[in-house]
């Protein structure tokens, strides 16, 4: 999505929050529903099939808080289409890393930095899978406000969120699902040039077409993978070369 459209969407989201609209159904607010909410359809069905084939136990382990009234998954009714999409993204990366389908070993990383966390779905997934380290979401102030509310009501506590990269220590894993691809080129360059990010060894990036020069160092093994469904999206994964 073009970055200039986000300027208008942020104003719309801020309007809903300022008016005090019912947050219990915030996933039905048009700017949220249009940009952050996965629903039933062809893409969801293909993601369902992949999760059912590779990590069928994760949907029941993760469940769903139902905060915000997300669309229910047709294949895994104990959770939502949003959670299945997050499981799909994370599962593709863990598959590439060689992790056993029976586990989701997130605690191999001491800390995670997510660029653009939306309303907090990936953060929720990580915590439900037992991640106990530092998880920092870097996002726009209005979305940090929404994430804070969502995570507090979904997980019962407040987590570290930020709008200033200067406050971020070196993360062990960087996650960026769509938001980085939607940022302006100057914002992308600034993110990858940030010293804490440049020193990171693990990356899970979606919808990003080209290898960022700031982190294309020889010590990392980068791979671009096509997503096998009609979205036409791509993954960009990285890990240290010495890893199997």
Protein backbone atom coordinates (compact mmCIF):
# COMPACT_ATOMS: atom_id res chain seq x y z
CA UNK A 1 0.00 0.00 0.00
CA UNK A 2 1.45 3.42 -0.93
CA UNK A 3 2.87 5.30 2.04
CA UNK A 4 0.82 8.41 1.29
CA UNK A 5 -2.42 6.46 1.77
CA UNK A 6 -1.27 5.63 5.29
CA UNK A 7 -1.27 9.33 6.15
CA UNK A 8 -5.03 9.41 5.57
CA UNK A 9 -5.63 6.06 7.30
CA UNK A 10 -3.80 7.21 10.42
CA UNK A 11 -6.08 10.25 10.62
CA UNK A 12 -9.14 7.99 10.29
CA UNK A 13 -7.91 5.60 12.98
CA UNK A 14 -7.14 8.52 15.29
CA UNK A 15 -10.70 9.75 14.73
CA UNK A 16 -12.18 6.46 15.90
CA UNK A 17 -9.98 6.46 19.01
CA UNK A 18 -10.65 10.11 19.81
CA UNK A 19 -14.42 9.70 19.49
CA UNK A 20 -14.28 6.75 21.84
CA UNK A 21 -15.81 4.29 19.36
CA UNK A 22 -16.40 0.78 20.67
CA UNK A 23 -12.96 -0.86 20.74
CA UNK A 24 -14.52 -4.27 21.35
CA UNK A 25 -15.19 -4.35 17.59
CA UNK A 26 -12.26 -2.24 16.37
CA UNK A 27 -11.40 -4.77 13.67
CA UNK A 28 -14.57 -3.65 11.91
CA UNK A 29 -13.44 -0.02 11.70
CA UNK A 30 -12.93 0.42 7.93
CA UNK A 31 -9.27 1.62 8.06
CA UNK A 32 -8.37 -1.31 10.34
CA UNK A 33 -10.46 -3.89 8.52
CA UNK A 34 -9.01 -2.84 5.17
CA UNK A 35 -5.34 -2.88 6.18
CA UNK A 36 -4.81 -5.27 9.10
CA UNK A 37 -7.58 -7.86 9.26
CA UNK A 38 -7.51 -11.19 7.44
CA UNK A 39 -10.84 -12.76 6.52
CA UNK A 40 -12.08 -15.94 4.84
CA UNK A 41 -11.24 -16.32 1.16
CA UNK A 42 -8.91 -18.00 -1.30
CA UNK A 43 -5.72 -16.80 0.39
CA UNK A 44 -6.99 -17.76 3.85
CA UNK A 45 -7.92 -21.24 2.58
CA UNK A 46 -4.42 -21.81 1.21
CA UNK A 47 -2.89 -20.60 4.47
CA UNK A 48 -5.24 -22.93 6.37
CA UNK A 49 -4.09 -25.87 4.24
CA UNK A 50 -0.43 -25.09 4.81
CA UNK A 51 -0.85 -24.75 8.59
CA UNK A 52 -2.94 -27.96 8.71
CA UNK A 53 -0.16 -29.79 6.86
CA UNK A 54 2.86 -28.40 8.71
CA UNK A 55 1.87 -27.21 12.22
CA UNK A 56 -1.68 -28.42 12.87
CA UNK A 57 -1.38 -28.17 16.66
CA UNK A 58 -0.51 -24.47 16.79
CA UNK A 59 -4.02 -23.03 16.23
CA UNK A 60 -5.36 -24.80 19.33
CA UNK A 61 -2.26 -23.87 21.35
CA UNK A 62 -2.60 -20.22 20.40
CA UNK A 63 -6.37 -19.90 20.45
CA UNK A 64 -7.70 -16.36 20.19
CA UNK A 65 -8.63 -13.64 22.67
CA UNK A 66 -11.41 -12.41 20.34
CA UNK A 67 -10.59 -8.86 21.40
CA UNK A 68 -11.67 -6.58 18.56
CA UNK A 69 -14.04 -9.22 17.12
CA UNK A 70 -11.76 -10.77 14.45
CA UNK A 71 -13.16 -13.03 11.71
CA UNK A 72 -13.18 -16.68 12.79
CA UNK A 73 -11.14 -19.17 10.78
CA UNK A 74 -13.34 -21.65 8.91
CA UNK A 75 -10.75 -24.45 9.10
CA UNK A 76 -9.65 -23.75 12.69
CA UNK A 77 -12.70 -22.27 14.46
CA UNK A 78 -10.85 -22.06 17.78
CA UNK A 79 -8.89 -19.13 16.37
CA UNK A 80 -9.14 -16.33 13.83
CA UNK A 81 -8.03 -15.78 10.25
CA UNK A 82 -5.57 -13.22 11.64
CA UNK A 83 -3.86 -15.77 13.87
CA UNK A 84 -3.68 -18.32 11.07
CA UNK A 85 -1.94 -15.74 8.89
CA UNK A 86 0.58 -14.96 11.63
CA UNK A 87 1.15 -18.70 12.22
CA UNK A 88 1.61 -19.09 8.48
CA UNK A 89 4.26 -16.32 8.30
CA UNK A 90 6.12 -17.55 11.37
CA UNK A 91 5.82 -21.18 10.31
CA UNK A 92 7.33 -20.48 6.90
CA UNK A 93 10.33 -18.89 8.61
CA UNK A 94 10.72 -21.72 11.13
CA UNK A 95 10.48 -24.24 8.27
CA UNK A 96 13.28 -22.41 6.49
CA UNK A 97 15.29 -22.42 9.73
CA UNK A 98 14.86 -26.19 9.94
CA UNK A 99 12.78 -26.17 13.12
CA UNK A 100 10.75 -29.26 13.91
CA UNK A 101 7.06 -28.94 12.98
CA UNK A 102 6.24 -30.08 16.52
CA UNK A 103 7.77 -26.99 18.15
CA UNK A 104 7.91 -23.22 17.76
CA UNK A 105 11.26 -22.45 19.43
CA UNK A 106 10.94 -18.68 19.79
CA UNK A 107 13.01 -18.57 22.96
CA UNK A 108 16.15 -19.27 20.95
CA UNK A 109 15.98 -15.48 20.49
CA UNK A 110 16.38 -13.26 23.54
CA UNK A 111 14.62 -10.33 21.92
CA UNK A 112 12.40 -9.49 18.97
CA UNK A 113 11.89 -6.17 17.19
CA UNK A 114 8.80 -5.87 15.00
CA UNK A 115 8.64 -3.06 12.49
CA UNK A 116 5.02 -2.01 12.31
CA UNK A 117 3.03 -4.32 14.55
CA UNK A 118 -0.45 -3.39 13.33
CA UNK A 119 -2.81 -4.00 16.24
CA UNK A 120 -0.41 -6.52 17.84
CA UNK A 121 -1.29 -9.92 16.32
CA UNK A 122 2.29 -11.23 15.89
CA UNK A 123 3.20 -10.08 19.41
CA UNK A 124 0.15 -11.91 20.76
CA UNK A 125 1.15 -15.05 18.85
CA UNK A 126 4.71 -14.96 20.20
CA UNK A 127 3.53 -14.68 23.79
CA UNK A 128 0.95 -17.46 23.38
CA UNK A 129 3.73 -19.69 22.04
CA UNK A 130 5.70 -19.09 25.22
CA UNK A 131 8.12 -16.34 24.20
CA UNK A 132 9.46 -14.74 27.39
CA UNK A 133 12.06 -12.31 26.04
CA UNK A 134 11.84 -8.65 25.10
CA UNK A 135 9.39 -7.94 22.26
CA UNK A 136 9.53 -4.36 21.04
CA UNK A 137 7.05 -3.02 18.49
CA UNK A 138 8.19 0.02 16.51
CA UNK A 139 5.25 1.84 14.97
CA UNK A 140 3.33 5.06 14.53
CA UNK A 141 2.09 6.65 17.78
CA UNK A 142 -1.59 6.08 17.03
CA UNK A 143 -0.98 2.37 16.31
CA UNK A 144 1.14 2.03 19.44
CA UNK A 145 -1.90 3.30 21.34
CA UNK A 146 -4.08 0.64 19.70
CA UNK A 147 -1.49 -2.12 20.26
CA UNK A 148 -1.18 -1.19 23.92
CA UNK A 149 -4.93 -1.49 24.40
CA UNK A 150 -5.17 -4.75 22.42
CA UNK A 151 -2.29 -6.50 24.20
CA UNK A 152 -3.44 -5.37 27.63
CA UNK A 153 -6.93 -6.75 27.02
CA UNK A 154 -5.69 -9.90 25.22
CA UNK A 155 -2.78 -10.86 27.47
CA UNK A 156 -3.53 -9.02 30.68
CA UNK A 157 -0.46 -6.81 30.82
CA UNK A 158 1.36 -3.96 29.09
CA UNK A 159 4.43 -4.62 26.95
CA UNK A 160 7.28 -2.49 25.64
CA UNK A 161 6.32 -0.50 22.54
CA UNK A 162 8.12 2.44 20.98
CA UNK A 163 8.04 5.11 18.30
CA UNK A 164 11.77 5.95 18.44
CA UNK A 165 14.43 3.56 17.14
CA UNK A 166 17.02 5.32 19.29
CA UNK A 167 15.44 3.56 22.28
CA UNK A 168 15.85 0.10 20.75
CA UNK A 169 18.70 -2.16 21.80
CA UNK A 170 20.06 -4.75 19.37
CA UNK A 171 17.31 -7.30 18.69
CA UNK A 172 18.05 -10.97 18.10
CA UNK A 173 15.27 -11.26 15.49
CA UNK A 174 13.66 -8.60 13.31
CA UNK A 175 10.11 -9.21 12.06
CA UNK A 176 8.42 -7.02 9.47
CA UNK A 177 5.14 -8.19 7.95
CA UNK A 178 4.10 -5.80 5.17
CA UNK A 179 4.67 -2.54 7.06
CA UNK A 180 8.30 -2.20 6.00
CA UNK A 181 7.39 -2.69 2.36
CA UNK A 182 4.79 0.07 2.71
CA UNK A 183 7.23 2.56 4.23
CA UNK A 184 8.84 5.33 2.18
CA UNK A 185 12.24 4.39 0.69
CA UNK A 186 13.98 6.86 3.00
CA UNK A 187 12.28 5.23 6.01
CA UNK A 188 13.32 1.78 4.82
CA UNK A 189 16.93 2.90 4.36
CA UNK A 190 16.97 4.56 7.79
CA UNK A 191 15.63 1.41 9.44
CA UNK A 192 18.18 -0.92 7.88
CA UNK A 193 21.00 1.56 8.50
CA UNK A 194 20.22 1.77 12.23
CA UNK A 195 23.21 0.23 14.09
CA UNK A 196 21.04 -2.09 16.21
CA UNK A 197 19.36 -3.46 13.08
CA UNK A 198 22.60 -3.71 11.11
CA UNK A 199 24.01 -5.96 13.83
CA UNK A 200 20.99 -8.28 13.82
CA UNK A 201 21.46 -11.79 12.41
CA UNK A 202 17.89 -13.04 11.96
CA UNK A 203 15.22 -11.45 9.75
CA UNK A 204 11.65 -12.45 8.86
CA UNK A 205 10.37 -9.96 6.29
CA UNK A 206 7.29 -10.21 4.08
CA UNK A 207 6.32 -8.38 0.88
CA UNK A 208 9.82 -6.95 0.42
CA UNK A 209 11.33 -7.30 -3.03
CA UNK A 210 15.02 -6.36 -2.78
CA UNK A 211 17.86 -7.17 -0.42
CA UNK A 212 18.60 -4.13 1.76
CA UNK A 213 22.22 -3.13 1.17
CA UNK A 214 22.78 -1.99 4.75
CA UNK A 215 22.46 -5.55 6.08
CA UNK A 216 23.70 -7.60 3.09
CA UNK A 217 26.88 -8.60 4.89
CA UNK A 218 28.69 -11.89 4.10
CA UNK A 219 28.02 -13.36 7.55
CA UNK A 220 24.31 -13.63 6.74
CA UNK A 221 22.56 -16.14 4.56
CA UNK A 222 19.70 -14.34 2.79
CA UNK A 223 17.01 -16.04 0.76
CA UNK A 224 14.00 -14.70 -1.11
CA UNK A 225 11.02 -17.06 -1.28
CA UNK A 226 7.84 -16.64 -3.27
CA UNK A 227 4.61 -17.09 -1.34
CA UNK A 228 2.68 -19.88 -3.06
CA UNK A 229 -0.69 -18.20 -3.15
CA UNK A 230 -2.40 -15.50 -5.25
CA UNK A 231 -1.13 -12.54 -3.23
CA UNK A 232 2.11 -12.58 -5.22
CA UNK A 233 4.02 -11.62 -2.06
CA UNK A 234 7.58 -12.58 -1.27
CA UNK A 235 9.49 -13.45 1.86
CA UNK A 236 12.98 -12.24 2.62
CA UNK A 237 14.63 -14.42 5.27
CA UNK A 238 18.06 -14.23 6.89
CA UNK A 239 20.11 -16.21 9.39
CA UNK A 240 23.83 -16.55 10.17
CA UNK A 241 25.65 -18.67 7.60
CA UNK A 242 26.96 -21.06 10.22
CA UNK A 243 23.40 -22.10 11.12
CA UNK A 244 22.25 -25.37 9.53
